[in-house]
Amino acid sequence: MRISRYGYKLLLSSYKRALSLLESQTGKNIVGFTSKSGFTFRMNMKTGEFGVMRPNGVVETFYRRPKDLTAYWTEQVSRHHMDKI
């Protein structure tokens, strides 16, 4: 697969944003937990950014959810059996 320079810059920018969110501490606008299987979940309740990182540090998921942030976050917590916030 070939990625244009613009596409590469966009991909790199998204990856950096994902790491910034997933490696951040919870508090203020950032909510998060670690699942029983070691996956890290974070959500920025102000921007709607949501991410999941595997136990080995690989970004699994990162996207922006524009609506229903609280309901979506509550669903993720209940679905993945939260260990700690």
C-alpha atoms as a PDB file:
ATOM      1  CA  MET A   1       0.000   0.000   0.000  1.00  0.00           C
ATOM      2  CA  ARG A   2       1.316   3.419  -0.917  1.00  0.00           C
ATOM      3  CA  ILE A   3       0.551   6.463   1.224  1.00  0.00           C
ATOM      4  CA  SER A   4       0.937   9.996  -0.097  1.00  0.00           C
ATOM      5  CA  ARG A   5       2.920  12.559   1.880  1.00  0.00           C
ATOM      6  CA  TYR A   6      -0.305  14.205   2.958  1.00  0.00           C
ATOM      7  CA  GLY A   7      -1.763  10.850   4.008  1.00  0.00           C
ATOM      8  CA  TYR A   8       1.394  10.000   5.947  1.00  0.00           C
ATOM      9  CA  LYS A   9       1.315  13.340   7.773  1.00  0.00           C
ATOM     10  CA  LEU A  10      -2.349  12.847   8.631  1.00  0.00           C
ATOM     11  CA  LEU A  11      -1.687   9.292   9.858  1.00  0.00           C
ATOM     12  CA  LEU A  12       1.288  10.418  11.951  1.00  0.00           C
ATOM     13  CA  SER A  13      -0.707  13.308  13.413  1.00  0.00           C
ATOM     14  CA  SER A  14      -3.559  10.963  14.385  1.00  0.00           C
ATOM     15  CA  TYR A  15      -1.130   8.495  15.943  1.00  0.00           C
ATOM     16  CA  LYS A  16       0.476  11.252  18.028  1.00  0.00           C
ATOM     17  CA  ARG A  17      -2.942  12.437  19.211  1.00  0.00           C
ATOM     18  CA  ALA A  18      -3.871   8.857  20.117  1.00  0.00           C
ATOM     19  CA  LEU A  19      -0.707   8.365  22.169  1.00  0.00           C
ATOM     20  CA  SER A  20      -1.187  11.712  23.865  1.00  0.00           C
ATOM     21  CA  LEU A  21      -4.682  10.700  24.956  1.00  0.00           C
ATOM     22  CA  LEU A  22      -3.876   7.104  25.876  1.00  0.00           C
ATOM     23  CA  GLU A  23      -0.773   7.967  27.900  1.00  0.00           C
ATOM     24  CA  SER A  24      -2.437  10.855  29.748  1.00  0.00           C
ATOM     25  CA  GLN A  25      -3.581  10.765  33.347  1.00  0.00           C
ATOM     26  CA  THR A  26      -7.289  10.807  34.059  1.00  0.00           C
ATOM     27  CA  GLY A  27      -8.857  13.947  35.469  1.00  0.00           C
ATOM     28  CA  LYS A  28     -10.542  17.134  34.302  1.00  0.00           C
ATOM     29  CA  ASN A  29     -11.828  16.192  30.797  1.00  0.00           C
ATOM     30  CA  ILE A  30     -10.061  12.810  30.522  1.00  0.00           C
ATOM     31  CA  VAL A  31     -11.799   9.681  31.810  1.00  0.00           C
ATOM     32  CA  GLY A  32     -10.254   6.247  31.652  1.00  0.00           C
ATOM     33  CA  PHE A  33      -9.743   2.779  33.017  1.00  0.00           C
ATOM     34  CA  THR A  34      -7.743  -0.388  32.507  1.00  0.00           C
ATOM     35  CA  SER A  35      -9.713  -3.538  31.683  1.00  0.00           C
ATOM     36  CA  LYS A  36      -9.179  -6.876  33.382  1.00  0.00           C
ATOM     37  CA  SER A  37      -7.250  -8.001  30.303  1.00  0.00           C
ATOM     38  CA  GLY A  38      -4.905  -4.985  30.533  1.00  0.00           C
ATOM     39  CA  PHE A  39      -6.315  -2.776  27.780  1.00  0.00           C
ATOM     40  CA  THR A  40      -6.198   0.984  28.469  1.00  0.00           C
ATOM     41  CA  PHE A  41      -9.344   2.975  27.654  1.00  0.00           C
ATOM     42  CA  ARG A  42      -9.407   6.782  27.539  1.00  0.00           C
ATOM     43  CA  MET A  43     -11.928   9.358  26.427  1.00  0.00           C
ATOM     44  CA  ASN A  44     -11.677  13.118  26.263  1.00  0.00           C
ATOM     45  CA  MET A  45     -15.154  14.274  27.245  1.00  0.00           C
ATOM     46  CA  LYS A  46     -14.531  17.738  25.787  1.00  0.00           C
ATOM     47  CA  THR A  47     -13.263  16.769  22.307  1.00  0.00           C
ATOM     48  CA  GLY A  48     -14.975  13.373  22.002  1.00  0.00           C
ATOM     49  CA  GLU A  49     -11.692  11.581  21.258  1.00  0.00           C
ATOM     50  CA  PHE A  50     -11.791   7.913  22.268  1.00  0.00           C
ATOM     51  CA  GLY A  51      -8.927   5.451  22.274  1.00  0.00           C
ATOM     52  CA  VAL A  52      -7.920   1.949  23.317  1.00  0.00           C
ATOM     53  CA  MET A  53      -4.355   0.701  23.783  1.00  0.00           C
ATOM     54  CA  ARG A  54      -3.323  -2.949  24.032  1.00  0.00           C
ATOM     55  CA  PRO A  55      -1.334  -4.149  27.054  1.00  0.00           C
ATOM     56  CA  ASN A  56       1.823  -4.158  24.889  1.00  0.00           C
ATOM     57  CA  GLY A  57       1.440  -0.427  24.112  1.00  0.00           C
ATOM     58  CA  VAL A  58       0.018  -0.749  20.588  1.00  0.00           C
ATOM     59  CA  VAL A  59      -2.832   1.645  19.753  1.00  0.00           C
ATOM     60  CA  GLU A  60      -5.860  -0.511  19.020  1.00  0.00           C
ATOM     61  CA  THR A  61      -8.495   2.158  18.359  1.00  0.00           C
ATOM     62  CA  PHE A  62      -8.645   5.942  18.073  1.00  0.00           C
ATOM     63  CA  TYR A  63     -11.452   8.122  16.760  1.00  0.00           C
ATOM     64  CA  ARG A  64     -13.644  11.086  17.601  1.00  0.00           C
ATOM     65  CA  ARG A  65     -17.206  10.486  18.719  1.00  0.00           C
ATOM     66  CA  PRO A  66     -19.246  13.626  18.049  1.00  0.00           C
ATOM     67  CA  LYS A  67     -22.440  12.799  19.998  1.00  0.00           C
ATOM     68  CA  ASP A  68     -23.709  11.066  23.128  1.00  0.00           C
ATOM     69  CA  LEU A  69     -20.319  11.048  24.864  1.00  0.00           C
ATOM     70  CA  THR A  70     -21.531  10.163  28.335  1.00  0.00           C
ATOM     71  CA  ALA A  71     -23.777   7.328  27.133  1.00  0.00           C
ATOM     72  CA  TYR A  72     -21.014   5.924  24.939  1.00  0.00           C
ATOM     73  CA  TRP A  73     -18.456   6.064  27.741  1.00  0.00           C
ATOM     74  CA  THR A  74     -20.862   4.391  30.186  1.00  0.00           C
ATOM     75  CA  GLU A  75     -21.404   1.603  27.653  1.00  0.00           C
ATOM     76  CA  GLN A  76     -17.652   1.045  27.280  1.00  0.00           C
ATOM     77  CA  VAL A  77     -17.165   0.886  31.044  1.00  0.00           C
ATOM     78  CA  SER A  78     -19.940  -1.678  31.508  1.00  0.00           C
ATOM     79  CA  ARG A  79     -18.932  -3.723  28.446  1.00  0.00           C
ATOM     80  CA  HIS A  80     -15.264  -4.071  29.393  1.00  0.00           C
ATOM     81  CA  HIS A  81     -15.671  -4.672  33.141  1.00  0.00           C
ATOM     82  CA  MET A  82     -13.778  -1.706  34.485  1.00  0.00           C
ATOM     83  CA  ASP A  83     -10.985  -2.461  36.980  1.00  0.00           C
ATOM     84  CA  LYS A  84      -9.942   1.052  37.885  1.00  0.00           C
ATOM     85  CA  ILE A  85     -10.635   4.624  36.888  1.00  0.00           C
END
